[in-house]
């Protein structure tokens, strides 16, 4: 029987801060984030074409802010601006070049 487990690392991260400069750092692979309260966030590493970061927020009721690294953007949005993802969802961020993250996520409303 084939083994279909991913070889990407899984990292536990606690959401922190309230701005791009004090958000908790994410790493390559899958990041399981706790502590989202609608104001706390995490920050993606610097965009490098082909880099992939996944985020699962374990908090059921609060949004999680996901910031790009300084000078980067998400989905060609405003540079340095966060997107807020819904609780209990898995989001995928993949760098298409050295400044832009393409993202698939469920927006927190």
PDB file of N, CA and C in Angstrom:
ATOM      1  N   UNK A   1       0.841  -1.164   0.000  1.00  0.00           N
ATOM      2  CA  UNK A   1       0.000   0.000   0.000  1.00  0.00           C
ATOM      3  C   UNK A   1       0.894   1.238   0.000  1.00  0.00           C
ATOM      4  N   UNK A   2       0.550   2.222  -0.835  1.00  0.00           N
ATOM      5  CA  UNK A   2       1.343   3.440  -0.952  1.00  0.00           C
ATOM      6  C   UNK A   2       1.189   4.322   0.280  1.00  0.00           C
ATOM      7  N   UNK A   3       2.230   5.050   0.615  1.00  0.00           N
ATOM      8  CA  UNK A   3       2.206   5.988   1.730  1.00  0.00           C
ATOM      9  C   UNK A   3       1.985   7.386   1.154  1.00  0.00           C
ATOM     10  N   UNK A   4       0.825   7.988   1.426  1.00  0.00           N
ATOM     11  CA  UNK A   4       0.475   9.277   0.850  1.00  0.00           C
ATOM     12  C   UNK A   4       0.718  10.448   1.778  1.00  0.00           C
ATOM     13  N   UNK A   5       1.383  10.246   2.869  1.00  0.00           N
ATOM     14  CA  UNK A   5       1.667  11.350   3.780  1.00  0.00           C
ATOM     15  C   UNK A   5       2.611  12.344   3.132  1.00  0.00           C
ATOM     16  N   UNK A   6       2.359  13.597   3.394  1.00  0.00           N
ATOM     17  CA  UNK A   6       3.199  14.664   2.875  1.00  0.00           C
ATOM     18  C   UNK A   6       4.541  14.662   3.606  1.00  0.00           C
ATOM     19  N   UNK A   7       5.565  15.108   2.921  1.00  0.00           N
ATOM     20  CA  UNK A   7       6.863  15.242   3.561  1.00  0.00           C
ATOM     21  C   UNK A   7       7.095  16.666   4.051  1.00  0.00           C
ATOM     22  N   UNK A   8       6.108  17.563   3.832  1.00  0.00           N
ATOM     23  CA  UNK A   8       6.245  18.938   4.294  1.00  0.00           C
ATOM     24  C   UNK A   8       6.172  18.965   5.817  1.00  0.00           C
ATOM     25  N   UNK A   9       6.956  19.823   6.450  1.00  0.00           N
ATOM     26  CA  UNK A   9       6.919  19.900   7.910  1.00  0.00           C
ATOM     27  C   UNK A   9       5.589  20.472   8.403  1.00  0.00           C
ATOM     28  N   UNK A  10       5.195  20.087   9.610  1.00  0.00           N
ATOM     29  CA  UNK A  10       4.017  20.634  10.276  1.00  0.00           C
ATOM     30  C   UNK A  10       4.517  21.388  11.503  1.00  0.00           C
ATOM     31  N   UNK A  11       4.139  22.668  11.613  1.00  0.00           N
ATOM     32  CA  UNK A  11       4.631  23.520  12.686  1.00  0.00           C
ATOM     33  C   UNK A  11       3.460  24.113  13.464  1.00  0.00           C
ATOM     34  N   UNK A  12       3.526  24.078  14.779  1.00  0.00           N
ATOM     35  CA  UNK A  12       2.527  24.730  15.623  1.00  0.00           C
ATOM     36  C   UNK A  12       2.950  26.184  15.828  1.00  0.00           C
ATOM     37  N   UNK A  13       2.006  27.107  15.638  1.00  0.00           N
ATOM     38  CA  UNK A  13       2.290  28.535  15.762  1.00  0.00           C
ATOM     39  C   UNK A  13       1.171  29.176  16.576  1.00  0.00           C
ATOM     40  N   UNK A  14       1.529  30.062  17.494  1.00  0.00           N
ATOM     41  CA  UNK A  14       0.535  30.839  18.245  1.00  0.00           C
ATOM     42  C   UNK A  14       0.435  32.222  17.620  1.00  0.00           C
ATOM     43  N   UNK A  15      -0.774  32.617  17.210  1.00  0.00           N
ATOM     44  CA  UNK A  15      -0.983  33.951  16.649  1.00  0.00           C
ATOM     45  C   UNK A  15      -0.516  34.991  17.657  1.00  0.00           C
ATOM     46  N   UNK A  16      -0.020  36.126  17.158  1.00  0.00           N
ATOM     47  CA  UNK A  16       0.516  37.154  18.047  1.00  0.00           C
ATOM     48  C   UNK A  16       0.348  38.536  17.431  1.00  0.00           C
ATOM     49  N   UNK A  17       0.512  39.546  18.270  1.00  0.00           N
ATOM     50  CA  UNK A  17       0.535  40.926  17.810  1.00  0.00           C
ATOM     51  C   UNK A  17      -0.778  41.399  17.221  1.00  0.00           C
ATOM     52  N   UNK A  18      -0.711  42.598  16.641  1.00  0.00           N
ATOM     53  CA  UNK A  18      -1.880  43.185  16.017  1.00  0.00           C
ATOM     54  C   UNK A  18      -1.513  43.949  14.749  1.00  0.00           C
ATOM     55  N   UNK A  19      -0.293  43.735  14.259  1.00  0.00           N
ATOM     56  CA  UNK A  19       0.190  44.427  13.067  1.00  0.00           C
ATOM     57  C   UNK A  19       1.235  43.551  12.371  1.00  0.00           C
ATOM     58  N   UNK A  20       1.596  43.941  11.173  1.00  0.00           N
ATOM     59  CA  UNK A  20       2.568  43.175  10.398  1.00  0.00           C
ATOM     60  C   UNK A  20       3.883  43.010  11.154  1.00  0.00           C
ATOM     61  N   UNK A  21       4.317  44.021  11.853  1.00  0.00           N
ATOM     62  CA  UNK A  21       5.607  44.000  12.533  1.00  0.00           C
ATOM     63  C   UNK A  21       5.700  43.118  13.763  1.00  0.00           C
ATOM     64  N   UNK A  22       4.555  42.734  14.338  1.00  0.00           N
ATOM     65  CA  UNK A  22       4.622  41.909  15.546  1.00  0.00           C
ATOM     66  C   UNK A  22       3.814  40.613  15.439  1.00  0.00           C
ATOM     67  N   UNK A  23       3.462  40.239  14.216  1.00  0.00           N
ATOM     68  CA  UNK A  23       2.746  38.981  13.989  1.00  0.00           C
ATOM     69  C   UNK A  23       3.713  37.804  14.125  1.00  0.00           C
ATOM     70  N   UNK A  24       3.179  36.631  14.426  1.00  0.00           N
ATOM     71  CA  UNK A  24       3.997  35.423  14.583  1.00  0.00           C
ATOM     72  C   UNK A  24       4.453  34.921  13.212  1.00  0.00           C
ATOM     73  N   UNK A  25       5.687  34.485  13.128  1.00  0.00           N
ATOM     74  CA  UNK A  25       6.263  34.041  11.861  1.00  0.00           C
ATOM     75  C   UNK A  25       5.766  32.650  11.454  1.00  0.00           C
ATOM     76  N   UNK A  26       5.443  32.519  10.168  1.00  0.00           N
ATOM     77  CA  UNK A  26       5.093  31.227   9.579  1.00  0.00           C
ATOM     78  C   UNK A  26       6.320  30.646   8.903  1.00  0.00           C
ATOM     79  N   UNK A  27       6.289  29.345   8.658  1.00  0.00           N
ATOM     80  CA  UNK A  27       7.393  28.689   7.952  1.00  0.00           C
ATOM     81  C   UNK A  27       6.844  27.906   6.771  1.00  0.00           C
ATOM     82  N   UNK A  28       7.735  27.406   5.931  1.00  0.00           N
ATOM     83  CA  UNK A  28       7.326  26.575   4.808  1.00  0.00           C
ATOM     84  C   UNK A  28       6.612  25.339   5.343  1.00  0.00           C
ATOM     85  N   UNK A  29       5.700  24.798   4.563  1.00  0.00           N
ATOM     86  CA  UNK A  29       4.957  23.622   4.986  1.00  0.00           C
ATOM     87  C   UNK A  29       3.639  24.020   5.612  1.00  0.00           C
ATOM     88  N   UNK A  30       3.096  23.144   6.448  1.00  0.00           N
ATOM     89  CA  UNK A  30       1.807  23.369   7.098  1.00  0.00           C
ATOM     90  C   UNK A  30       2.003  23.983   8.478  1.00  0.00           C
ATOM     91  N   UNK A  31       1.326  25.107   8.710  1.00  0.00           N
ATOM     92  CA  UNK A  31       1.364  25.798   9.991  1.00  0.00           C
ATOM     93  C   UNK A  31      -0.006  25.671  10.643  1.00  0.00           C
ATOM     94  N   UNK A  32      -0.063  25.071  11.830  1.00  0.00           N
ATOM     95  CA  UNK A  32      -1.308  24.937  12.572  1.00  0.00           C
ATOM     96  C   UNK A  32      -1.305  26.065  13.599  1.00  0.00           C
ATOM     97  N   UNK A  33      -2.212  27.028  13.394  1.00  0.00           N
ATOM     98  CA  UNK A  33      -2.192  28.262  14.185  1.00  0.00           C
ATOM     99  C   UNK A  33      -3.294  28.265  15.231  1.00  0.00           C
ATOM    100  N   UNK A  34      -2.915  28.574  16.461  1.00  0.00           N
ATOM    101  CA  UNK A  34      -3.859  28.707  17.567  1.00  0.00           C
ATOM    102  C   UNK A  34      -3.873  30.157  18.035  1.00  0.00           C
ATOM    103  N   UNK A  35      -4.873  30.508  18.817  1.00  0.00           N
ATOM    104  CA  UNK A  35      -4.901  31.812  19.464  1.00  0.00           C
ATOM    105  C   UNK A  35      -5.485  32.945  18.654  1.00  0.00           C
ATOM    106  N   UNK A  36      -6.096  32.672  17.509  1.00  0.00           N
ATOM    107  CA  UNK A  36      -6.719  33.740  16.728  1.00  0.00           C
ATOM    108  C   UNK A  36      -7.873  34.327  17.533  1.00  0.00           C
ATOM    109  N   UNK A  37      -7.913  35.657  17.594  1.00  0.00           N
ATOM    110  CA  UNK A  37      -8.999  36.305  18.327  1.00  0.00           C
ATOM    111  C   UNK A  37      -9.628  37.447  17.547  1.00  0.00           C
ATOM    112  N   UNK A  38      -9.380  37.469  16.234  1.00  0.00           N
ATOM    113  CA  UNK A  38      -9.905  38.532  15.391  1.00  0.00           C
ATOM    114  C   UNK A  38      -8.951  39.697  15.226  1.00  0.00           C
ATOM    115  N   UNK A  39      -7.936  39.797  16.096  1.00  0.00           N
ATOM    116  CA  UNK A  39      -6.958  40.871  15.981  1.00  0.00           C
ATOM    117  C   UNK A  39      -5.537  40.350  15.812  1.00  0.00           C
ATOM    118  N   UNK A  40      -5.234  39.174  16.343  1.00  0.00           N
ATOM    119  CA  UNK A  40      -3.882  38.620  16.265  1.00  0.00           C
ATOM    120  C   UNK A  40      -3.613  38.065  14.871  1.00  0.00           C
ATOM    121  N   UNK A  41      -2.308  37.958  14.551  1.00  0.00           N
ATOM    122  CA  UNK A  41      -1.983  37.493  13.218  1.00  0.00           C
ATOM    123  C   UNK A  41      -0.695  36.713  13.117  1.00  0.00           C
ATOM    124  N   UNK A  42      -0.421  36.342  11.883  1.00  0.00           N
ATOM    125  CA  UNK A  42       0.797  35.628  11.499  1.00  0.00           C
ATOM    126  C   UNK A  42       1.353  36.298  10.246  1.00  0.00           C
ATOM    127  N   UNK A  43       2.626  36.076   9.984  1.00  0.00           N
ATOM    128  CA  UNK A  43       3.257  36.696   8.817  1.00  0.00           C
ATOM    129  C   UNK A  43       3.958  35.642   7.971  1.00  0.00           C
ATOM    130  N   UNK A  44       3.723  35.727   6.683  1.00  0.00           N
ATOM    131  CA  UNK A  44       4.359  34.821   5.727  1.00  0.00           C
ATOM    132  C   UNK A  44       5.851  35.133   5.617  1.00  0.00           C
ATOM    133  N   UNK A  45       6.647  34.137   5.238  1.00  0.00           N
ATOM    134  CA  UNK A  45       8.054  34.433   4.951  1.00  0.00           C
ATOM    135  C   UNK A  45       8.148  35.254   3.673  1.00  0.00           C
ATOM    136  N   UNK A  46       9.312  35.717   3.364  1.00  0.00           N
ATOM    137  CA  UNK A  46       9.543  36.476   2.128  1.00  0.00           C
ATOM    138  C   UNK A  46       9.128  35.648   0.918  1.00  0.00           C
ATOM    139  N   UNK A  47       8.410  36.285  -0.013  1.00  0.00           N
ATOM    140  CA  UNK A  47       7.977  35.587  -1.228  1.00  0.00           C
ATOM    141  C   UNK A  47       9.185  35.246  -2.102  1.00  0.00           C
ATOM    142  N   UNK A  48       9.247  34.002  -2.535  1.00  0.00           N
ATOM    143  CA  UNK A  48      10.236  33.512  -3.487  1.00  0.00           C
ATOM    144  C   UNK A  48       9.459  32.597  -4.425  1.00  0.00           C
ATOM    145  N   UNK A  49       9.528  32.840  -5.703  1.00  0.00           N
ATOM    146  CA  UNK A  49       8.723  32.084  -6.664  1.00  0.00           C
ATOM    147  C   UNK A  49       8.752  30.585  -6.366  1.00  0.00           C
ATOM    148  N   UNK A  50       7.560  29.985  -6.220  1.00  0.00           N
ATOM    149  CA  UNK A  50       7.436  28.563  -5.951  1.00  0.00           C
ATOM    150  C   UNK A  50       7.329  28.189  -4.490  1.00  0.00           C
ATOM    151  N   UNK A  51       7.613  29.106  -3.592  1.00  0.00           N
ATOM    152  CA  UNK A  51       7.517  28.818  -2.154  1.00  0.00           C
ATOM    153  C   UNK A  51       6.046  28.594  -1.790  1.00  0.00           C
ATOM    154  N   UNK A  52       5.787  27.625  -0.922  1.00  0.00           N
ATOM    155  CA  UNK A  52       4.409  27.296  -0.527  1.00  0.00           C
ATOM    156  C   UNK A  52       4.292  27.221   0.988  1.00  0.00           C
ATOM    157  N   UNK A  53       3.276  27.905   1.489  1.00  0.00           N
ATOM    158  CA  UNK A  53       2.981  27.915   2.918  1.00  0.00           C
ATOM    159  C   UNK A  53       1.494  27.629   3.079  1.00  0.00           C
ATOM    160  N   UNK A  54       1.153  26.682   3.934  1.00  0.00           N
ATOM    161  CA  UNK A  54      -0.243  26.380   4.238  1.00  0.00           C
ATOM    162  C   UNK A  54      -0.529  26.791   5.673  1.00  0.00           C
ATOM    163  N   UNK A  55      -1.767  27.236   5.904  1.00  0.00           N
ATOM    164  CA  UNK A  55      -2.170  27.682   7.235  1.00  0.00           C
ATOM    165  C   UNK A  55      -3.494  27.023   7.591  1.00  0.00           C
ATOM    166  N   UNK A  56      -3.535  26.382   8.756  1.00  0.00           N
ATOM    167  CA  UNK A  56      -4.783  25.873   9.305  1.00  0.00           C
ATOM    168  C   UNK A  56      -4.996  26.597  10.620  1.00  0.00           C
ATOM    169  N   UNK A  57      -6.101  27.322  10.730  1.00  0.00           N
ATOM    170  CA  UNK A  57      -6.386  28.006  11.985  1.00  0.00           C
ATOM    171  C   UNK A  57      -7.323  27.136  12.804  1.00  0.00           C
ATOM    172  N   UNK A  58      -6.865  26.782  13.996  1.00  0.00           N
ATOM    173  CA  UNK A  58      -7.603  25.839  14.838  1.00  0.00           C
ATOM    174  C   UNK A  58      -8.691  26.508  15.664  1.00  0.00           C
ATOM    175  N   UNK A  59      -8.737  27.833  15.665  1.00  0.00           N
ATOM    176  CA  UNK A  59      -9.752  28.551  16.424  1.00  0.00           C
ATOM    177  C   UNK A  59     -11.046  28.594  15.609  1.00  0.00           C
ATOM    178  N   UNK A  60     -12.156  28.172  16.202  1.00  0.00           N
ATOM    179  CA  UNK A  60     -13.402  27.999  15.461  1.00  0.00           C
ATOM    180  C   UNK A  60     -14.144  29.291  15.147  1.00  0.00           C
ATOM    181  N   UNK A  61     -14.073  30.285  16.002  1.00  0.00           N
ATOM    182  CA  UNK A  61     -14.984  31.414  15.847  1.00  0.00           C
ATOM    183  C   UNK A  61     -14.335  32.741  15.481  1.00  0.00           C
ATOM    184  N   UNK A  62     -13.034  32.839  15.495  1.00  0.00           N
ATOM    185  CA  UNK A  62     -12.382  34.117  15.245  1.00  0.00           C
ATOM    186  C   UNK A  62     -11.518  34.085  13.997  1.00  0.00           C
ATOM    187  N   UNK A  63     -11.478  35.222  13.293  1.00  0.00           N
ATOM    188  CA  UNK A  63     -10.634  35.339  12.117  1.00  0.00           C
ATOM    189  C   UNK A  63      -9.165  35.429  12.496  1.00  0.00           C
ATOM    190  N   UNK A  64      -8.316  35.078  11.545  1.00  0.00           N
ATOM    191  CA  UNK A  64      -6.866  35.155  11.715  1.00  0.00           C
ATOM    192  C   UNK A  64      -6.298  36.041  10.623  1.00  0.00           C
ATOM    193  N   UNK A  65      -5.560  37.079  11.002  1.00  0.00           N
ATOM    194  CA  UNK A  65      -4.904  37.942  10.028  1.00  0.00           C
ATOM    195  C   UNK A  65      -3.640  37.257   9.521  1.00  0.00           C
ATOM    196  N   UNK A  66      -3.486  37.209   8.207  1.00  0.00           N
ATOM    197  CA  UNK A  66      -2.278  36.661   7.588  1.00  0.00           C
ATOM    198  C   UNK A  66      -1.642  37.787   6.780  1.00  0.00           C
ATOM    199  N   UNK A  67      -0.464  38.214   7.218  1.00  0.00           N
ATOM    200  CA  UNK A  67       0.257  39.308   6.572  1.00  0.00           C
ATOM    201  C   UNK A  67       1.315  38.756   5.621  1.00  0.00           C
ATOM    202  N   UNK A  68       1.557  39.456   4.507  1.00  0.00           N
ATOM    203  CA  UNK A  68       2.723  39.113   3.688  1.00  0.00           C
ATOM    204  C   UNK A  68       3.968  39.723   4.343  1.00  0.00           C
ATOM    205  N   UNK A  69       5.129  39.250   3.960  1.00  0.00           N
ATOM    206  CA  UNK A  69       6.368  39.870   4.438  1.00  0.00           C
ATOM    207  C   UNK A  69       6.419  41.317   3.939  1.00  0.00           C
ATOM    208  N   UNK A  70       7.200  42.142   4.594  1.00  0.00           N
ATOM    209  CA  UNK A  70       7.317  43.547   4.217  1.00  0.00           C
ATOM    210  C   UNK A  70       7.678  43.681   2.735  1.00  0.00           C
ATOM    211  N   UNK A  71       6.879  44.469   2.022  1.00  0.00           N
ATOM    212  CA  UNK A  71       7.106  44.702   0.594  1.00  0.00           C
ATOM    213  C   UNK A  71       6.363  43.729  -0.308  1.00  0.00           C
ATOM    214  N   UNK A  72       5.719  42.715   0.270  1.00  0.00           N
ATOM    215  CA  UNK A  72       4.990  41.713  -0.516  1.00  0.00           C
ATOM    216  C   UNK A  72       3.489  41.990  -0.474  1.00  0.00           C
ATOM    217  N   UNK A  73       2.724  41.231  -1.272  1.00  0.00           N
ATOM    218  CA  UNK A  73       1.271  41.351  -1.268  1.00  0.00           C
ATOM    219  C   UNK A  73       0.636  39.973  -1.430  1.00  0.00           C
ATOM    220  N   UNK A  74      -0.669  39.915  -1.173  1.00  0.00           N
ATOM    221  CA  UNK A  74      -1.444  38.690  -1.351  1.00  0.00           C
ATOM    222  C   UNK A  74      -2.464  38.939  -2.457  1.00  0.00           C
ATOM    223  N   UNK A  75      -2.448  38.085  -3.473  1.00  0.00           N
ATOM    224  CA  UNK A  75      -3.385  38.171  -4.607  1.00  0.00           C
ATOM    225  C   UNK A  75      -3.367  39.540  -5.284  1.00  0.00           C
ATOM    226  N   UNK A  76      -2.192  40.129  -5.420  1.00  0.00           N
ATOM    227  CA  UNK A  76      -2.019  41.447  -6.043  1.00  0.00           C
ATOM    228  C   UNK A  76      -2.788  42.550  -5.334  1.00  0.00           C
ATOM    229  N   UNK A  77      -3.035  42.351  -4.031  1.00  0.00           N
ATOM    230  CA  UNK A  77      -3.697  43.376  -3.229  1.00  0.00           C
ATOM    231  C   UNK A  77      -2.701  44.438  -2.805  1.00  0.00           C
ATOM    232  N   UNK A  78      -3.095  45.226  -1.837  1.00  0.00           N
ATOM    233  CA  UNK A  78      -2.247  46.294  -1.320  1.00  0.00           C
ATOM    234  C   UNK A  78      -0.996  45.717  -0.664  1.00  0.00           C
ATOM    235  N   UNK A  79       0.147  46.284  -0.987  1.00  0.00           N
ATOM    236  CA  UNK A  79       1.412  45.858  -0.392  1.00  0.00           C
ATOM    237  C   UNK A  79       1.320  45.954   1.132  1.00  0.00           C
ATOM    238  N   UNK A  80       1.797  44.916   1.810  1.00  0.00           N
ATOM    239  CA  UNK A  80       1.854  44.820   3.268  1.00  0.00           C
ATOM    240  C   UNK A  80       0.497  44.582   3.944  1.00  0.00           C
ATOM    241  N   UNK A  81      -0.598  44.498   3.195  1.00  0.00           N
ATOM    242  CA  UNK A  81      -1.927  44.352   3.795  1.00  0.00           C
ATOM    243  C   UNK A  81      -2.248  42.891   4.104  1.00  0.00           C
ATOM    244  N   UNK A  82      -2.864  42.679   5.259  1.00  0.00           N
ATOM    245  CA  UNK A  82      -3.273  41.332   5.673  1.00  0.00           C
ATOM    246  C   UNK A  82      -4.569  40.928   4.985  1.00  0.00           C
ATOM    247  N   UNK A  83      -4.743  39.611   4.885  1.00  0.00           N
ATOM    248  CA  UNK A  83      -6.051  39.039   4.587  1.00  0.00           C
ATOM    249  C   UNK A  83      -6.492  38.368   5.881  1.00  0.00           C
ATOM    250  N   UNK A  84      -7.792  38.281   6.098  1.00  0.00           N
ATOM    251  CA  UNK A  84      -8.294  37.647   7.321  1.00  0.00           C
ATOM    252  C   UNK A  84      -9.031  36.378   6.933  1.00  0.00           C
ATOM    253  N   UNK A  85      -8.515  35.248   7.438  1.00  0.00           N
ATOM    254  CA  UNK A  85      -9.099  33.957   7.082  1.00  0.00           C
ATOM    255  C   UNK A  85     -10.051  33.481   8.177  1.00  0.00           C
ATOM    256  N   UNK A  86     -11.027  32.710   7.767  1.00  0.00           N
ATOM    257  CA  UNK A  86     -12.058  32.162   8.646  1.00  0.00           C
ATOM    258  C   UNK A  86     -11.464  31.100   9.572  1.00  0.00           C
ATOM    259  N   UNK A  87     -12.048  30.967  10.755  1.00  0.00           N
ATOM    260  CA  UNK A  87     -11.638  29.938  11.699  1.00  0.00           C
ATOM    261  C   UNK A  87     -11.914  28.538  11.178  1.00  0.00           C
ATOM    262  N   UNK A  88     -11.139  27.579  11.652  1.00  0.00           N
ATOM    263  CA  UNK A  88     -11.265  26.157  11.285  1.00  0.00           C
ATOM    264  C   UNK A  88     -11.190  25.933   9.781  1.00  0.00           C
ATOM    265  N   UNK A  89     -10.303  26.662   9.109  1.00  0.00           N
ATOM    266  CA  UNK A  89     -10.121  26.462   7.669  1.00  0.00           C
ATOM    267  C   UNK A  89      -8.647  26.267   7.340  1.00  0.00           C
ATOM    268  N   UNK A  90      -8.423  25.702   6.172  1.00  0.00           N
ATOM    269  CA  UNK A  90      -7.080  25.485   5.630  1.00  0.00           C
ATOM    270  C   UNK A  90      -6.902  26.446   4.471  1.00  0.00           C
ATOM    271  N   UNK A  91      -5.833  27.209   4.481  1.00  0.00           N
ATOM    272  CA  UNK A  91      -5.541  28.178   3.426  1.00  0.00           C
ATOM    273  C   UNK A  91      -4.184  27.868   2.809  1.00  0.00           C
ATOM    274  N   UNK A  92      -4.051  28.137   1.519  1.00  0.00           N
ATOM    275  CA  UNK A  92      -2.807  27.859   0.802  1.00  0.00           C
ATOM    276  C   UNK A  92      -2.275  29.158   0.217  1.00  0.00           C
ATOM    277  N   UNK A  93      -0.999  29.429   0.460  1.00  0.00           N
ATOM    278  CA  UNK A  93      -0.318  30.603  -0.062  1.00  0.00           C
ATOM    279  C   UNK A  93       0.877  30.119  -0.874  1.00  0.00           C
ATOM    280  N   UNK A  94       0.948  30.512  -2.141  1.00  0.00           N
ATOM    281  CA  UNK A  94       2.058  30.110  -2.991  1.00  0.00           C
ATOM    282  C   UNK A  94       2.604  31.342  -3.701  1.00  0.00           C
ATOM    283  N   UNK A  95       3.912  31.554  -3.577  1.00  0.00           N
ATOM    284  CA  UNK A  95       4.534  32.727  -4.192  1.00  0.00           C
ATOM    285  C   UNK A  95       4.648  32.521  -5.704  1.00  0.00           C
ATOM    286  N   UNK A  96       4.128  33.482  -6.454  1.00  0.00           N
ATOM    287  CA  UNK A  96       4.204  33.399  -7.912  1.00  0.00           C
ATOM    288  C   UNK A  96       5.427  34.131  -8.450  1.00  0.00           C
ATOM    289  N   UNK A  97       5.987  35.003  -7.630  1.00  0.00           N
ATOM    290  CA  UNK A  97       7.227  35.701  -7.966  1.00  0.00           C
ATOM    291  C   UNK A  97       7.852  36.151  -6.646  1.00  0.00           C
ATOM    292  N   UNK A  98       8.726  37.136  -6.699  1.00  0.00           N
ATOM    293  CA  UNK A  98       9.427  37.546  -5.480  1.00  0.00           C
ATOM    294  C   UNK A  98       8.696  38.604  -4.658  1.00  0.00           C
ATOM    295  N   UNK A  99       7.440  38.922  -5.003  1.00  0.00           N
ATOM    296  CA  UNK A  99       6.680  39.890  -4.209  1.00  0.00           C
ATOM    297  C   UNK A  99       5.203  39.525  -4.026  1.00  0.00           C
ATOM    298  N   UNK A 100       4.690  38.560  -4.776  1.00  0.00           N
ATOM    299  CA  UNK A 100       3.251  38.276  -4.743  1.00  0.00           C
ATOM    300  C   UNK A 100       2.951  36.852  -4.320  1.00  0.00           C
ATOM    301  N   UNK A 101       2.064  36.728  -3.330  1.00  0.00           N
ATOM    302  CA  UNK A 101       1.548  35.439  -2.891  1.00  0.00           C
ATOM    303  C   UNK A 101       0.182  35.227  -3.530  1.00  0.00           C
ATOM    304  N   UNK A 102      -0.012  34.121  -4.231  1.00  0.00           N
ATOM    305  CA  UNK A 102      -1.333  33.715  -4.697  1.00  0.00           C
ATOM    306  C   UNK A 102      -1.932  32.897  -3.563  1.00  0.00           C
ATOM    307  N   UNK A 103      -3.188  33.195  -3.219  1.00  0.00           N
ATOM    308  CA  UNK A 103      -3.778  32.544  -2.055  1.00  0.00           C
ATOM    309  C   UNK A 103      -5.173  32.011  -2.360  1.00  0.00           C
ATOM    310  N   UNK A 104      -5.458  30.877  -1.748  1.00  0.00           N
ATOM    311  CA  UNK A 104      -6.791  30.291  -1.735  1.00  0.00           C
ATOM    312  C   UNK A 104      -7.186  30.233  -0.254  1.00  0.00           C
ATOM    313  N   UNK A 105      -8.252  30.964   0.109  1.00  0.00           N
ATOM    314  CA  UNK A 105      -8.663  30.981   1.507  1.00  0.00           C
ATOM    315  C   UNK A 105     -10.140  31.332   1.608  1.00  0.00           C
ATOM    316  N   UNK A 106     -10.728  30.998   2.754  1.00  0.00           N
ATOM    317  CA  UNK A 106     -12.099  31.397   3.055  1.00  0.00           C
ATOM    318  C   UNK A 106     -12.019  32.667   3.890  1.00  0.00           C
ATOM    319  N   UNK A 107     -12.570  33.745   3.351  1.00  0.00           N
ATOM    320  CA  UNK A 107     -12.491  35.044   4.036  1.00  0.00           C
ATOM    321  C   UNK A 107     -13.380  35.060   5.268  1.00  0.00           C
ATOM    322  N   UNK A 108     -12.891  35.665   6.333  1.00  0.00           N
ATOM    323  CA  UNK A 108     -13.677  35.847   7.541  1.00  0.00           C
ATOM    324  C   UNK A 108     -14.625  37.019   7.305  1.00  0.00           C
ATOM    325  N   UNK A 109     -15.888  36.840   7.618  1.00  0.00           N
ATOM    326  CA  UNK A 109     -16.860  37.906   7.365  1.00  0.00           C
ATOM    327  C   UNK A 109     -17.331  38.573   8.639  1.00  0.00           C
TER     328      UNK A 109
END
